[in-house]
Amino acid sequence: MQVAANTPGISAEAAAAACSAAVAHAETNGWKINVAVVDRGGNLMAFLRMPGAFLHSIDIAIDKAYTSASFGFPTKAWMSVIGQDEGMKFGFSSQPRLIVFGGGVPIGEGEWMGGIGVSGASEAQDEECARAGLAAIGLV
């Protein structure tokens, strides 16, 4: 009987590199962001805050990473998953840490390793920065 599970994970070096690349992308565009990377279990692996980025965006970035790591798909996909089901809208909106707008992307495909979340710019710009972070570690 196998006792220990072998779960895919992201290294501390890759998490830090993804955050740095997301910030670099934001800098070139004049955006101020917070970026977080979490592992598959939602544990914070790396975080960067640009000077002047919104303070409330700190937790939003972390929660975007957590949400995408929890479910394995981008946070912007939530509204299409929920659709017109009012019960799901109310149920999910009451869940702490669940973000249902763009800026959170899972790290890896299939057996994803975690999530990256960006907050502080527009929804599309946040996701662009998150994907720049993934590209820097060879995952886009």
Protein backbone atom coordinates (compact mmCIF):
# COMPACT_ATOMS: atom_id res chain seq x y z
CA MET A 1 0.00 0.00 0.00
CA GLN A 2 1.33 3.43 -0.98
CA VAL A 3 1.04 5.77 1.98
CA ALA A 4 2.40 9.02 0.58
CA ALA A 5 0.85 10.80 -2.39
CA ASN A 6 3.06 12.20 -5.08
CA THR A 7 1.53 15.63 -5.81
CA PRO A 8 2.90 17.93 -8.50
CA GLY A 9 4.41 21.09 -7.08
CA ILE A 10 6.07 24.34 -8.05
CA SER A 11 9.54 25.19 -6.79
CA ALA A 12 10.28 28.32 -4.78
CA GLU A 13 12.59 29.49 -7.57
CA ALA A 14 9.89 29.13 -10.23
CA ALA A 15 7.31 30.87 -8.02
CA ALA A 16 9.65 33.81 -7.45
CA ALA A 17 10.55 34.00 -11.15
CA ALA A 18 6.87 34.03 -12.15
CA CYS A 19 6.17 36.89 -9.74
CA SER A 20 9.17 38.87 -10.98
CA ALA A 21 8.16 38.41 -14.62
CA ALA A 22 4.57 39.50 -13.92
CA VAL A 23 5.87 42.66 -12.22
CA ALA A 24 8.31 43.33 -15.07
CA HIS A 25 5.45 43.06 -17.56
CA ALA A 26 3.35 45.47 -15.49
CA GLU A 27 6.23 47.94 -15.25
CA THR A 28 6.68 48.06 -19.03
CA ASN A 29 2.99 48.95 -19.36
CA GLY A 30 2.81 51.45 -16.49
CA TRP A 31 0.54 49.30 -14.33
CA LYS A 32 0.92 48.81 -10.57
CA ILE A 33 0.09 45.31 -9.40
CA ASN A 34 0.32 42.78 -6.62
CA VAL A 35 1.15 39.23 -7.68
CA ALA A 36 0.97 35.97 -5.77
CA VAL A 37 1.87 32.36 -6.50
CA VAL A 38 0.43 29.51 -4.45
CA ASP A 39 1.07 25.78 -4.54
CA ARG A 40 -1.58 23.17 -5.32
CA GLY A 41 -2.78 23.29 -1.72
CA GLY A 42 -3.25 27.08 -1.85
CA ASN A 43 -0.20 27.83 0.30
CA LEU A 44 1.56 31.07 -0.54
CA MET A 45 4.89 30.39 -2.29
CA ALA A 46 5.82 33.88 -3.53
CA PHE A 47 4.41 37.39 -3.46
CA LEU A 48 5.46 40.79 -4.83
CA ARG A 49 3.83 44.16 -4.38
CA MET A 50 4.77 47.06 -6.59
CA PRO A 51 5.05 50.43 -4.83
CA GLY A 52 1.77 52.26 -5.29
CA ALA A 53 -0.30 49.14 -5.99
CA PHE A 54 -3.69 49.14 -4.28
CA LEU A 55 -3.58 47.77 -0.73
CA HIS A 56 -6.85 45.83 -1.10
CA SER A 57 -5.35 44.16 -4.15
CA ILE A 58 -2.88 42.30 -1.94
CA ASP A 59 -5.54 39.89 -0.66
CA ILE A 60 -7.34 39.84 -4.01
CA ALA A 61 -4.15 38.69 -5.80
CA ILE A 62 -3.58 35.96 -3.22
CA ASP A 63 -7.21 34.85 -3.45
CA LYS A 64 -7.11 34.80 -7.27
CA ALA A 65 -4.10 32.48 -7.09
CA TYR A 66 -5.86 30.37 -4.45
CA THR A 67 -9.07 30.11 -6.52
CA SER A 68 -7.27 29.09 -9.71
CA ALA A 69 -5.15 26.56 -7.80
CA SER A 70 -8.24 25.17 -6.09
CA PHE A 71 -10.18 24.46 -9.27
CA GLY A 72 -7.54 24.25 -12.01
CA PHE A 73 -9.02 26.84 -14.35
CA PRO A 74 -8.74 30.62 -14.76
CA THR A 75 -10.80 32.77 -12.41
CA LYS A 76 -12.39 34.58 -15.37
CA ALA A 77 -14.07 31.28 -16.38
CA TRP A 78 -16.24 31.24 -13.26
CA MET A 79 -19.11 33.27 -14.64
CA SER A 80 -19.47 30.96 -17.63
CA VAL A 81 -19.35 27.95 -15.28
CA ILE A 82 -22.07 29.45 -13.07
CA GLY A 83 -24.15 30.68 -16.01
CA GLN A 84 -27.65 31.78 -15.08
CA ASP A 85 -27.95 29.48 -12.05
CA GLU A 86 -28.97 31.92 -9.31
CA GLY A 87 -28.41 29.34 -6.58
CA MET A 88 -24.79 28.87 -7.66
CA LYS A 89 -24.28 32.64 -7.83
CA PHE A 90 -25.49 33.10 -4.26
CA GLY A 91 -23.72 30.01 -2.98
CA PHE A 92 -20.36 30.81 -4.50
CA SER A 93 -20.54 34.50 -3.61
CA SER A 94 -20.73 33.51 0.05
CA GLN A 95 -17.54 31.45 -0.12
CA PRO A 96 -14.52 33.23 1.36
CA ARG A 97 -11.51 33.61 -0.93
CA LEU A 98 -13.40 32.62 -4.12
CA ILE A 99 -12.73 35.14 -6.90
CA VAL A 100 -14.95 34.99 -9.99
CA PHE A 101 -13.28 37.59 -12.24
CA GLY A 102 -10.07 37.53 -14.28
CA GLY A 103 -6.49 37.65 -13.08
CA GLY A 104 -6.01 34.18 -11.62
CA VAL A 105 -4.55 31.37 -13.73
CA PRO A 106 -3.60 27.80 -12.79
CA ILE A 107 0.05 26.86 -13.08
CA GLY A 108 0.40 23.90 -15.42
CA GLU A 109 -2.25 21.91 -17.27
CA GLY A 110 -3.92 18.63 -16.37
CA GLU A 111 -1.96 17.99 -13.20
CA TRP A 112 -1.67 21.65 -12.30
CA MET A 113 0.89 22.70 -9.68
CA GLY A 114 -0.71 25.79 -8.19
CA GLY A 115 -1.95 29.19 -9.26
CA ILE A 116 -0.81 32.70 -10.01
CA GLY A 117 -2.98 35.70 -9.20
CA VAL A 118 -2.56 39.35 -10.14
CA SER A 119 -4.57 42.34 -8.95
CA GLY A 120 -4.25 46.09 -9.33
CA ALA A 121 -4.81 46.79 -13.01
CA SER A 122 -7.85 45.97 -15.15
CA GLU A 123 -9.13 42.41 -15.27
CA ALA A 124 -7.58 41.83 -18.71
CA GLN A 125 -4.29 43.49 -17.71
CA ASP A 126 -4.10 41.40 -14.54
CA GLU A 127 -4.50 38.22 -16.57
CA GLU A 128 -1.92 39.43 -19.10
CA CYS A 129 0.59 39.90 -16.27
CA ALA A 130 -0.23 36.46 -14.82
CA ARG A 131 0.35 34.84 -18.21
CA ALA A 132 3.65 36.75 -18.57
CA GLY A 133 4.67 35.18 -15.27
CA LEU A 134 3.82 31.72 -16.57
CA ALA A 135 5.63 32.35 -19.84
CA ALA A 136 8.79 33.24 -17.90
CA ILE A 137 8.84 29.76 -16.37
CA GLY A 138 8.00 28.02 -19.64
CA LEU A 139 4.35 27.25 -18.98
CA VAL A 140 2.54 29.27 -21.67
